[in-house]
PDB file of N, CA and C in Angstrom:
ATOM      1  N   ARG A   1     105.205 110.470  89.905  1.00  0.00           N
ATOM      2  CA  ARG A   1     106.414 109.709  89.641  1.00  0.00           C
ATOM      3  C   ARG A   1     106.308 109.053  88.273  1.00  0.00           C
ATOM      4  N   LEU A   2     107.412 108.832  87.675  1.00  0.00           N
ATOM      5  CA  LEU A   2     107.463 108.178  86.373  1.00  0.00           C
ATOM      6  C   LEU A   2     107.730 106.693  86.576  1.00  0.00           C
ATOM      7  N   CYS A   3     106.920 105.867  85.966  1.00  0.00           N
ATOM      8  CA  CYS A   3     107.114 104.418  86.016  1.00  0.00           C
ATOM      9  C   CYS A   3     107.347 103.919  84.599  1.00  0.00           C
ATOM     10  N   HIS A   4     108.429 103.214  84.405  1.00  0.00           N
ATOM     11  CA  HIS A   4     108.764 102.637  83.102  1.00  0.00           C
ATOM     12  C   HIS A   4     108.534 101.134  83.214  1.00  0.00           C
ATOM     13  N   VAL A   5     107.528 100.641  82.509  1.00  0.00           N
ATOM     14  CA  VAL A   5     107.153  99.230  82.581  1.00  0.00           C
ATOM     15  C   VAL A   5     107.684  98.517  81.350  1.00  0.00           C
ATOM     16  N   ARG A   6     108.454  97.459  81.583  1.00  0.00           N
ATOM     17  CA  ARG A   6     109.009  96.663  80.478  1.00  0.00           C
ATOM     18  C   ARG A   6     108.504  95.233  80.561  1.00  0.00           C
ATOM     19  N   LYS A   7     108.065  94.739  79.420  1.00  0.00           N
ATOM     20  CA  LYS A   7     107.642  93.339  79.369  1.00  0.00           C
ATOM     21  C   LYS A   7     108.852  92.432  79.539  1.00  0.00           C
ATOM     22  N   VAL A   8     108.597  91.275  80.134  1.00  0.00           N
ATOM     23  CA  VAL A   8     109.643  90.268  80.297  1.00  0.00           C
ATOM     24  C   VAL A   8     109.127  88.956  79.718  1.00  0.00           C
ATOM     25  N   PRO A   9     110.030  88.110  79.220  1.00  0.00           N
ATOM     26  CA  PRO A   9     109.578  86.878  78.568  1.00  0.00           C
ATOM     27  C   PRO A   9     108.858  85.906  79.505  1.00  0.00           C
ATOM     28  N   THR A  10     109.062  86.041  80.808  1.00  0.00           N
ATOM     29  CA  THR A  10     108.457  85.104  81.753  1.00  0.00           C
ATOM     30  C   THR A  10     107.078  85.535  82.241  1.00  0.00           C
ATOM     31  N   PHE A  11     106.555  86.656  81.711  1.00  0.00           N
ATOM     32  CA  PHE A  11     105.246  87.150  82.150  1.00  0.00           C
ATOM     33  C   PHE A  11     104.456  87.599  80.924  1.00  0.00           C
ATOM     34  N   ASP A  12     103.183  87.243  80.867  1.00  0.00           N
ATOM     35  CA  ASP A  12     102.332  87.614  79.735  1.00  0.00           C
ATOM     36  C   ASP A  12     101.733  89.000  79.973  1.00  0.00           C
ATOM     37  N   GLY A  13     102.174  89.994  79.223  1.00  0.00           N
ATOM     38  CA  GLY A  13     101.655  91.356  79.350  1.00  0.00           C
ATOM     39  C   GLY A  13     102.406  92.166  80.386  1.00  0.00           C
ATOM     40  N   TYR A  14     101.758  93.256  80.822  1.00  0.00           N
ATOM     41  CA  TYR A  14     102.362  94.155  81.809  1.00  0.00           C
ATOM     42  C   TYR A  14     101.927  93.825  83.231  1.00  0.00           C
ATOM     43  N   GLY A  15     100.767  93.213  83.383  1.00  0.00           N
ATOM     44  CA  GLY A  15     100.316  92.811  84.710  1.00  0.00           C
ATOM     45  C   GLY A  15      99.548  93.861  85.486  1.00  0.00           C
ATOM     46  N   PHE A  16      98.757  94.666  84.793  1.00  0.00           N
ATOM     47  CA  PHE A  16      97.885  95.600  85.503  1.00  0.00           C
ATOM     48  C   PHE A  16      96.607  95.819  84.709  1.00  0.00           C
ATOM     49  N   ASN A  17      95.574  96.260  85.415  1.00  0.00           N
ATOM     50  CA  ASN A  17      94.306  96.627  84.788  1.00  0.00           C
ATOM     51  C   ASN A  17      94.188  98.136  84.785  1.00  0.00           C
ATOM     52  N   LEU A  18      93.657  98.673  83.724  1.00  0.00           N
ATOM     53  CA  LEU A  18      93.434 100.105  83.581  1.00  0.00           C
ATOM     54  C   LEU A  18      91.933 100.344  83.625  1.00  0.00           C
ATOM     55  N   HIS A  19      91.484 101.327  84.415  1.00  0.00           N
ATOM     56  CA  HIS A  19      90.051 101.588  84.483  1.00  0.00           C
ATOM     57  C   HIS A  19      89.768 103.045  84.798  1.00  0.00           C
ATOM     58  N   ALA A  20      88.523 103.428  84.604  1.00  0.00           N
ATOM     59  CA  ALA A  20      88.053 104.764  84.976  1.00  0.00           C
ATOM     60  C   ALA A  20      87.324 104.635  86.309  1.00  0.00           C
ATOM     61  N   GLU A  21      87.364 105.699  87.113  1.00  0.00           N
ATOM     62  CA  GLU A  21      86.639 105.699  88.378  1.00  0.00           C
ATOM     63  C   GLU A  21      85.430 106.611  88.243  1.00  0.00           C
ATOM     64  N   LYS A  22      84.288 106.118  88.654  1.00  0.00           N
ATOM     65  CA  LYS A  22      83.033 106.862  88.531  1.00  0.00           C
ATOM     66  C   LYS A  22      83.150 108.222  89.218  1.00  0.00           C
ATOM     67  N   GLY A  23      82.807 109.262  88.474  1.00  0.00           N
ATOM     68  CA  GLY A  23      82.828 110.607  89.021  1.00  0.00           C
ATOM     69  C   GLY A  23      84.183 111.285  89.015  1.00  0.00           C
ATOM     70  N   LYS A  24      85.209 110.590  88.533  1.00  0.00           N
ATOM     71  CA  LYS A  24      86.550 111.176  88.471  1.00  0.00           C
ATOM     72  C   LYS A  24      87.039 111.154  87.028  1.00  0.00           C
ATOM     73  N   PRO A  25      87.692 112.226  86.595  1.00  0.00           N
ATOM     74  CA  PRO A  25      88.248 112.215  85.236  1.00  0.00           C
ATOM     75  C   PRO A  25      89.513 111.359  85.177  1.00  0.00           C
ATOM     76  N   GLY A  26      89.830 110.871  84.013  1.00  0.00           N
ATOM     77  CA  GLY A  26      91.095 110.175  83.807  1.00  0.00           C
ATOM     78  C   GLY A  26      91.009 108.667  83.899  1.00  0.00           C
ATOM     79  N   GLN A  27      92.174 108.058  83.754  1.00  0.00           N
ATOM     80  CA  GLN A  27      92.328 106.608  83.810  1.00  0.00           C
ATOM     81  C   GLN A  27      93.205 106.264  85.011  1.00  0.00           C
ATOM     82  N   TYR A  28      92.891 105.145  85.646  1.00  0.00           N
ATOM     83  CA  TYR A  28      93.566 104.748  86.877  1.00  0.00           C
ATOM     84  C   TYR A  28      94.052 103.306  86.781  1.00  0.00           C
ATOM     85  N   ILE A  29      95.054 102.996  87.596  1.00  0.00           N
ATOM     86  CA  ILE A  29      95.538 101.624  87.706  1.00  0.00           C
ATOM     87  C   ILE A  29      94.589 100.870  88.623  1.00  0.00           C
ATOM     88  N   GLY A  30      94.128  99.725  88.160  1.00  0.00           N
ATOM     89  CA  GLY A  30      93.296  98.852  88.986  1.00  0.00           C
ATOM     90  C   GLY A  30      94.196  97.836  89.664  1.00  0.00           C
ATOM     91  N   LYS A  31      93.914  96.588  89.449  1.00  0.00           N
ATOM     92  CA  LYS A  31      94.702  95.514  90.044  1.00  0.00           C
ATOM     93  C   LYS A  31      96.100  95.481  89.436  1.00  0.00           C
ATOM     94  N   VAL A  32      97.103  95.263  90.290  1.00  0.00           N
ATOM     95  CA  VAL A  32      98.482  95.049  89.852  1.00  0.00           C
ATOM     96  C   VAL A  32      98.847  93.621  90.246  1.00  0.00           C
ATOM     97  N   ASP A  33      99.212  92.810  89.276  1.00  0.00           N
ATOM     98  CA  ASP A  33      99.526  91.407  89.535  1.00  0.00           C
ATOM     99  C   ASP A  33     100.860  91.256  90.251  1.00  0.00           C
ATOM    100  N   ALA A  34     100.879  90.367  91.238  1.00  0.00           N
ATOM    101  CA  ALA A  34     102.112  90.066  91.964  1.00  0.00           C
ATOM    102  C   ALA A  34     103.137  89.470  91.006  1.00  0.00           C
ATOM    103  N   GLY A  35     104.373  89.913  91.115  1.00  0.00           N
ATOM    104  CA  GLY A  35     105.451  89.396  90.281  1.00  0.00           C
ATOM    105  C   GLY A  35     105.447  89.918  88.855  1.00  0.00           C
ATOM    106  N   SER A  36     104.617  90.904  88.581  1.00  0.00           N
ATOM    107  CA  SER A  36     104.481  91.421  87.215  1.00  0.00           C
ATOM    108  C   SER A  36     105.467  92.545  86.923  1.00  0.00           C
ATOM    109  N   PRO A  37     105.671  92.853  85.633  1.00  0.00           N
ATOM    110  CA  PRO A  37     106.474  94.021  85.278  1.00  0.00           C
ATOM    111  C   PRO A  37     105.907  95.309  85.884  1.00  0.00           C
ATOM    112  N   ALA A  38     104.590  95.422  85.968  1.00  0.00           N
ATOM    113  CA  ALA A  38     103.970  96.613  86.565  1.00  0.00           C
ATOM    114  C   ALA A  38     104.351  96.751  88.036  1.00  0.00           C
ATOM    115  N   GLU A  39     104.317  95.648  88.768  1.00  0.00           N
ATOM    116  CA  GLU A  39     104.712  95.685  90.185  1.00  0.00           C
ATOM    117  C   GLU A  39     106.184  96.067  90.316  1.00  0.00           C
ATOM    118  N   ALA A  40     107.030  95.480  89.473  1.00  0.00           N
ATOM    119  CA  ALA A  40     108.467  95.787  89.510  1.00  0.00           C
ATOM    120  C   ALA A  40     108.739  97.255  89.190  1.00  0.00           C
ATOM    121  N   ALA A  41     107.889  97.872  88.360  1.00  0.00           N
ATOM    122  CA  ALA A  41     108.068  99.277  87.979  1.00  0.00           C
ATOM    123  C   ALA A  41     107.519 100.239  89.030  1.00  0.00           C
ATOM    124  N   GLY A  42     106.803  99.705  90.020  1.00  0.00           N
ATOM    125  CA  GLY A  42     106.289 100.557  91.085  1.00  0.00           C
ATOM    126  C   GLY A  42     104.865 101.033  90.918  1.00  0.00           C
ATOM    127  N   LEU A  43     104.129 100.491  89.938  1.00  0.00           N
ATOM    128  CA  LEU A  43     102.723 100.875  89.793  1.00  0.00           C
ATOM    129  C   LEU A  43     101.938 100.366  90.991  1.00  0.00           C
ATOM    130  N   ARG A  44     100.978 101.182  91.450  1.00  0.00           N
ATOM    131  CA  ARG A  44     100.146 100.804  92.584  1.00  0.00           C
ATOM    132  C   ARG A  44      98.681 101.031  92.243  1.00  0.00           C
ATOM    133  N   ARG A  45      97.836 100.205  92.812  1.00  0.00           N
ATOM    134  CA  ARG A  45      96.387 100.353  92.625  1.00  0.00           C
ATOM    135  C   ARG A  45      95.985 101.776  92.996  1.00  0.00           C
ATOM    136  N   GLY A  46      95.188 102.395  92.138  1.00  0.00           N
ATOM    137  CA  GLY A  46      94.712 103.748  92.402  1.00  0.00           C
ATOM    138  C   GLY A  46      95.558 104.838  91.780  1.00  0.00           C
ATOM    139  N   ASP A  47      96.744 104.498  91.267  1.00  0.00           N
ATOM    140  CA  ASP A  47      97.572 105.506  90.590  1.00  0.00           C
ATOM    141  C   ASP A  47      96.808 106.064  89.398  1.00  0.00           C
ATOM    142  N   ARG A  48      96.851 107.384  89.238  1.00  0.00           N
ATOM    143  CA  ARG A  48      96.221 108.017  88.078  1.00  0.00           C
ATOM    144  C   ARG A  48      97.256 108.149  86.974  1.00  0.00           C
ATOM    145  N   ILE A  49      96.885 107.768  85.767  1.00  0.00           N
ATOM    146  CA  ILE A  49      97.769 107.870  84.614  1.00  0.00           C
ATOM    147  C   ILE A  49      97.652 109.284  84.049  1.00  0.00           C
ATOM    148  N   LEU A  50      98.772 109.988  83.959  1.00  0.00           N
ATOM    149  CA  LEU A  50      98.787 111.341  83.407  1.00  0.00           C
ATOM    150  C   LEU A  50      99.357 111.370  81.999  1.00  0.00           C
ATOM    151  N   GLU A  51     100.360 110.520  81.755  1.00  0.00           N
ATOM    152  CA  GLU A  51     101.013 110.444  80.445  1.00  0.00           C
ATOM    153  C   GLU A  51     101.312 108.994  80.114  1.00  0.00           C
ATOM    154  N   VAL A  52     101.343 108.708  78.824  1.00  0.00           N
ATOM    155  CA  VAL A  52     101.792 107.406  78.332  1.00  0.00           C
ATOM    156  C   VAL A  52     102.781 107.670  77.217  1.00  0.00           C
ATOM    157  N   ASN A  53     103.990 107.182  77.385  1.00  0.00           N
ATOM    158  CA  ASN A  53     105.048 107.336  76.383  1.00  0.00           C
ATOM    159  C   ASN A  53     105.247 108.796  75.968  1.00  0.00           C
ATOM    160  N   GLY A  54     105.175 109.696  76.962  1.00  0.00           N
ATOM    161  CA  GLY A  54     105.433 111.111  76.713  1.00  0.00           C
ATOM    162  C   GLY A  54     104.250 111.917  76.220  1.00  0.00           C
ATOM    163  N   HIS A  55     103.085 111.295  76.080  1.00  0.00           N
ATOM    164  CA  HIS A  55     101.883 111.987  75.599  1.00  0.00           C
ATOM    165  C   HIS A  55     100.889 112.154  76.746  1.00  0.00           C
ATOM    166  N   ALA A  56     100.469 113.390  77.009  1.00  0.00           N
ATOM    167  CA  ALA A  56      99.433 113.639  78.011  1.00  0.00           C
ATOM    168  C   ALA A  56      98.137 112.983  77.548  1.00  0.00           C
ATOM    169  N   ILE A  57      97.456 112.300  78.459  1.00  0.00           N
ATOM    170  CA  ILE A  57      96.261 111.558  78.066  1.00  0.00           C
ATOM    171  C   ILE A  57      94.962 112.191  78.581  1.00  0.00           C
ATOM    172  N   ALA A  58      95.052 113.394  79.144  1.00  0.00           N
ATOM    173  CA  ALA A  58      93.845 114.073  79.636  1.00  0.00           C
ATOM    174  C   ALA A  58      92.829 114.193  78.505  1.00  0.00           C
ATOM    175  N   GLY A  59      91.620 113.778  78.769  1.00  0.00           N
ATOM    176  CA  GLY A  59      90.560 113.871  77.772  1.00  0.00           C
ATOM    177  C   GLY A  59      90.494 112.711  76.798  1.00  0.00           C
ATOM    178  N   GLU A  60      91.453 111.785  76.865  1.00  0.00           N
ATOM    179  CA  GLU A  60      91.419 110.633  75.956  1.00  0.00           C
ATOM    180  C   GLU A  60      90.521 109.541  76.533  1.00  0.00           C
ATOM    181  N   SER A  61      89.936 108.768  75.650  1.00  0.00           N
ATOM    182  CA  SER A  61      89.079 107.663  76.071  1.00  0.00           C
ATOM    183  C   SER A  61      89.931 106.499  76.566  1.00  0.00           C
ATOM    184  N   HIS A  62      89.262 105.569  77.233  1.00  0.00           N
ATOM    185  CA  HIS A  62      89.940 104.359  77.704  1.00  0.00           C
ATOM    186  C   HIS A  62      90.609 103.643  76.528  1.00  0.00           C
ATOM    187  N   LYS A  63      89.883 103.531  75.444  1.00  0.00           N
ATOM    188  CA  LYS A  63      90.396 102.847  74.251  1.00  0.00           C
ATOM    189  C   LYS A  63      91.652 103.532  73.708  1.00  0.00           C
ATOM    190  N   GLN A  64      91.662 104.864  73.705  1.00  0.00           N
ATOM    191  CA  GLN A  64      92.830 105.608  73.219  1.00  0.00           C
ATOM    192  C   GLN A  64      94.044 105.393  74.122  1.00  0.00           C
ATOM    193  N   VAL A  65      93.821 105.370  75.431  1.00  0.00           N
ATOM    194  CA  VAL A  65      94.925 105.171  76.374  1.00  0.00           C
ATOM    195  C   VAL A  65      95.501 103.763  76.216  1.00  0.00           C
ATOM    196  N   VAL A  66      94.636 102.778  76.086  1.00  0.00           N
ATOM    197  CA  VAL A  66      95.101 101.402  75.869  1.00  0.00           C
ATOM    198  C   VAL A  66      95.924 101.326  74.586  1.00  0.00           C
ATOM    199  N   ALA A  67      95.478 101.986  73.533  1.00  0.00           N
ATOM    200  CA  ALA A  67      96.221 101.993  72.263  1.00  0.00           C
ATOM    201  C   ALA A  67      97.601 102.619  72.448  1.00  0.00           C
ATOM    202  N   ARG A  68      97.699 103.689  73.247  1.00  0.00           N
ATOM    203  CA  ARG A  68      99.008 104.312  73.504  1.00  0.00           C
ATOM    204  C   ARG A  68      99.938 103.353  74.243  1.00  0.00           C
ATOM    205  N   ILE A  69      99.389 102.620  75.218  1.00  0.00           N
ATOM    206  CA  ILE A  69     100.201 101.663  75.973  1.00  0.00           C
ATOM    207  C   ILE A  69     100.722 100.577  75.044  1.00  0.00           C
ATOM    208  N   LYS A  70      99.896 100.130  74.116  1.00  0.00           N
ATOM    209  CA  LYS A  70     100.278  99.056  73.195  1.00  0.00           C
ATOM    210  C   LYS A  70     101.133  99.543  72.030  1.00  0.00           C
ATOM    211  N   GLN A  71     101.287 100.859  71.896  1.00  0.00           N
ATOM    212  CA  GLN A  71     102.001 101.446  70.760  1.00  0.00           C
ATOM    213  C   GLN A  71     103.444 100.957  70.660  1.00  0.00           C
ATOM    214  N   ARG A  72     104.097 100.837  71.797  1.00  0.00           N
ATOM    215  CA  ARG A  72     105.474 100.331  71.819  1.00  0.00           C
ATOM    216  C   ARG A  72     105.412  98.900  72.330  1.00  0.00           C
ATOM    217  N   PRO A  73     105.803  97.923  71.520  1.00  0.00           N
ATOM    218  CA  PRO A  73     105.560  96.525  71.844  1.00  0.00           C
ATOM    219  C   PRO A  73     106.241  95.983  73.103  1.00  0.00           C
ATOM    220  N   GLY A  74     107.374  96.519  73.508  1.00  0.00           N
ATOM    221  CA  GLY A  74     108.086  95.921  74.639  1.00  0.00           C
ATOM    222  C   GLY A  74     108.077  96.709  75.919  1.00  0.00           C
ATOM    223  N   ASP A  75     107.655  97.980  75.868  1.00  0.00           N
ATOM    224  CA  ASP A  75     107.684  98.785  77.087  1.00  0.00           C
ATOM    225  C   ASP A  75     106.716  99.953  76.991  1.00  0.00           C
ATOM    226  N   ALA A  76     106.469 100.555  78.141  1.00  0.00           N
ATOM    227  CA  ALA A  76     105.630 101.758  78.218  1.00  0.00           C
ATOM    228  C   ALA A  76     106.093 102.575  79.406  1.00  0.00           C
ATOM    229  N   GLU A  77     105.987 103.903  79.260  1.00  0.00           N
ATOM    230  CA  GLU A  77     106.332 104.753  80.406  1.00  0.00           C
ATOM    231  C   GLU A  77     105.369 105.911  80.503  1.00  0.00           C
TER     232      GLU A  77
END
């Protein structure tokens, strides 16, 4: 599923943690903060990130994926 996360002025950031799982390729959603833009967009703990802003992230490092998320200042999908 596609989740479009938009920052809101009443919340600092997107409200989720991004992490790798030992023995599994890719990046995953960790904690999702209650009342956050991430929760409102439907992100759930354990979701695997396949694309960020239209770019496939397979093989990218954690740092590269974080940079893609931060690339657009107000939203990410």
